[in-house]
Protein backbone atom coordinates (compact mmCIF):
# COMPACT_ATOMS: atom_id res chain seq x y z
CA UNK A 1 -16.29 -1.10 -5.56
CA UNK A 2 -19.68 -0.13 -6.98
CA UNK A 3 -20.49 0.94 -3.10
CA UNK A 4 -18.13 3.30 -2.74
CA UNK A 5 -19.23 5.20 -5.67
CA UNK A 6 -22.99 4.60 -4.18
CA UNK A 7 -21.73 6.06 -0.82
CA UNK A 8 -22.69 2.59 0.62
CA UNK A 9 -19.89 2.47 2.89
CA UNK A 10 -21.33 0.45 5.49
CA UNK A 11 -22.24 -2.25 2.60
CA UNK A 12 -18.71 -2.05 1.14
CA UNK A 13 -17.18 -2.57 4.68
CA UNK A 14 -19.66 -5.43 4.75
CA UNK A 15 -18.60 -7.21 1.76
CA UNK A 16 -15.18 -6.40 2.01
CA UNK A 17 -15.72 -8.33 5.41
CA UNK A 18 -16.35 -11.23 4.03
CA UNK A 19 -14.45 -11.73 1.43
CA UNK A 20 -11.38 -11.36 3.89
CA UNK A 21 -12.92 -14.08 6.10
CA UNK A 22 -13.20 -16.23 3.09
CA UNK A 23 -9.59 -15.39 2.04
CA UNK A 24 -7.39 -13.51 5.00
CA UNK A 25 -4.42 -13.07 2.34
CA UNK A 26 -5.82 -11.77 -1.01
CA UNK A 27 -3.54 -8.86 -1.32
CA UNK A 28 -6.60 -6.89 -3.19
CA UNK A 29 -9.15 -7.59 -0.69
CA UNK A 30 -6.93 -6.24 2.12
CA UNK A 31 -6.46 -2.96 -0.16
CA UNK A 32 -9.73 -2.39 -0.34
CA UNK A 33 -10.34 -2.93 3.20
CA UNK A 34 -7.80 -0.45 3.95
CA UNK A 35 -10.29 1.39 1.56
CA UNK A 36 -13.27 0.50 2.80
CA UNK A 37 -11.75 1.41 6.53
CA UNK A 38 -10.85 4.73 5.90
CA UNK A 39 -14.57 5.70 4.98
CA UNK A 40 -15.19 5.25 8.86
CA UNK A 41 -11.63 6.98 9.78
CA UNK A 42 -9.85 3.92 10.94
CA UNK A 43 -6.68 4.44 9.65
CA UNK A 44 -4.64 2.90 11.52
CA UNK A 45 -6.35 -0.69 11.03
CA UNK A 46 -6.52 0.39 7.31
CA UNK A 47 -2.55 1.27 7.24
CA UNK A 48 -1.97 -2.62 8.42
CA UNK A 49 -4.13 -3.77 5.89
CA UNK A 50 -2.31 -1.76 3.76
CA UNK A 51 1.21 -2.86 4.52
CA UNK A 52 -0.08 -6.82 4.67
CA UNK A 53 -1.30 -6.35 0.93
CA UNK A 54 2.13 -4.71 -0.35
CA UNK A 55 3.79 -7.61 1.68
CA UNK A 56 1.70 -9.81 -0.28
CA UNK A 57 1.78 -8.42 -3.39
CA UNK A 58 5.36 -6.67 -3.80
CA UNK A 59 4.74 -6.45 -7.35
CA UNK A 60 1.60 -4.07 -7.13
CA UNK A 61 3.50 -1.97 -4.45
CA UNK A 62 3.34 1.05 -6.07
CA UNK A 63 -0.06 1.23 -7.05
CA UNK A 64 -0.97 0.37 -2.82
CA UNK A 65 1.64 2.83 -1.67
CA UNK A 66 -0.56 5.50 -3.65
CA UNK A 67 -2.94 4.98 -0.53
CA UNK A 68 0.07 6.22 1.85
CA UNK A 69 -0.26 9.79 1.71
CA UNK A 70 -4.51 9.42 2.46
CA UNK A 71 -3.78 7.18 4.90
CA UNK A 72 -0.80 9.57 6.89
CA UNK A 73 -2.92 12.93 6.49
CA UNK A 74 -5.91 10.79 7.95
CA UNK A 75 -3.88 9.74 11.29
CA UNK A 76 -1.76 13.17 10.81
CA UNK A 77 1.64 11.89 10.69
CA UNK A 78 2.73 15.18 9.08
CA UNK A 79 6.46 13.42 8.55
CA UNK A 80 5.00 10.21 6.49
CA UNK A 81 2.42 12.28 4.91
CA UNK A 82 5.09 15.38 3.81
CA UNK A 83 7.34 12.33 2.44
CA UNK A 84 4.53 10.18 0.27
CA UNK A 85 3.25 13.39 -0.90
CA UNK A 86 6.66 14.35 -2.74
CA UNK A 87 7.17 10.83 -3.53
CA UNK A 88 3.65 10.22 -5.29
CA UNK A 89 4.51 13.85 -6.62
CA UNK A 90 7.82 13.00 -8.63
CA UNK A 91 5.89 9.76 -9.42
CA UNK A 92 3.24 11.06 -11.38
CA UNK A 93 3.12 14.93 -11.19
CA UNK A 94 -0.33 16.56 -10.41
CA UNK A 95 -1.79 19.45 -9.06
CA UNK A 96 -3.66 17.98 -6.29
CA UNK A 97 -0.11 17.18 -4.88
CA UNK A 98 0.53 20.71 -4.22
CA UNK A 99 -2.23 21.39 -2.63
CA UNK A 100 -2.19 18.37 -0.20
CA UNK A 101 1.30 19.33 0.61
CA UNK A 102 0.16 23.33 0.82
CA UNK A 103 -2.57 21.62 3.91
CA UNK A 104 0.21 19.31 5.24
CA UNK A 105 2.79 22.04 5.46
CA UNK A 106 0.28 24.60 7.30
CA UNK A 107 -0.48 21.53 10.13
CA UNK A 108 2.97 21.42 10.46
CA UNK A 109 3.07 25.00 11.64
CA UNK A 110 5.33 25.83 8.21
CA UNK A 111 2.75 28.42 7.45
CA UNK A 112 5.05 30.72 5.01
CA UNK A 113 6.48 27.57 3.42
CA UNK A 114 2.62 26.64 3.32
CA UNK A 115 1.31 29.86 1.61
CA UNK A 116 3.98 29.73 -0.98
CA UNK A 117 2.58 25.87 -1.93
CA UNK A 118 -0.64 27.81 -1.51
CA UNK A 119 0.26 30.12 -4.28
CA UNK A 120 1.54 28.05 -7.13
CA UNK A 121 -1.20 25.93 -6.46
CA UNK A 122 -3.78 28.36 -7.02
CA UNK A 123 -2.14 29.28 -10.45
CA UNK A 124 -2.08 25.62 -11.66
CA UNK A 125 -5.52 25.00 -10.36
CA UNK A 126 -7.55 28.81 -10.97
CA UNK A 127 -11.09 27.76 -10.43
CA UNK A 128 -10.24 27.06 -6.37
CA UNK A 129 -10.68 30.01 -5.27
CA UNK A 130 -11.97 29.26 -1.85
CA UNK A 131 -12.26 26.52 0.72
CA UNK A 132 -16.24 26.28 -0.92
CA UNK A 133 -14.26 25.20 -4.18
CA UNK A 134 -12.12 23.00 -2.87
CA UNK A 135 -14.22 21.22 -0.68
CA UNK A 136 -16.11 20.07 -4.08
CA UNK A 137 -13.28 18.43 -5.35
CA UNK A 138 -11.10 17.39 -1.78
CA UNK A 139 -11.27 13.35 -1.40
CA UNK A 140 -13.96 12.79 1.44
CA UNK A 141 -11.91 11.19 3.83
CA UNK A 142 -9.68 13.42 4.28
CA UNK A 143 -11.96 16.34 3.89
CA UNK A 144 -11.67 18.43 6.66
CA UNK A 145 -8.05 17.91 7.00
CA UNK A 146 -7.22 19.60 3.79
CA UNK A 147 -9.93 22.25 4.67
CA UNK A 148 -8.29 23.16 7.78
CA UNK A 149 -5.02 23.04 6.41
CA UNK A 150 -5.51 25.19 3.40
CA UNK A 151 -7.87 27.48 5.72
CA UNK A 152 -4.22 28.11 7.74
CA UNK A 153 -2.71 28.48 4.82
CA UNK A 154 -4.26 31.28 3.72
CA UNK A 155 -7.09 29.93 1.26
CA UNK A 156 -10.16 32.03 1.58
CA UNK A 157 -13.56 30.40 3.30
CA UNK A 158 -15.62 31.97 0.68
């Protein structure tokens, strides 16, 4: 939705709620509703709608599952977050997963392991030298959690 790009999260939520009332069994609408709810930190409710989207449209399961990682980070469910980080990284390797895994491990108290992933992440993303740099690329809905984890792992503030 363009309202997400415009950062008009209230309008996005309003429109998706209307669409959901019209057809509560539409998988794409349930998925969009989970995304909209996440903008307001309503991760538990978002997870329910994401799972409903997966149930309603198992063919699109992998596409919908890509958002599970962000929801589990938002819920601070570190075991599931780590599992989905590894799963999604295997499906589609990208440096973002190294940063997210660093933060997850640090939040789990596995600081030495997190420092190892941070080192690897910094090699993959040399433009990210500080938390200030990372803040520019972090997903908004879980930015604060990721920043906290990266700080625990040793990424300097500035």
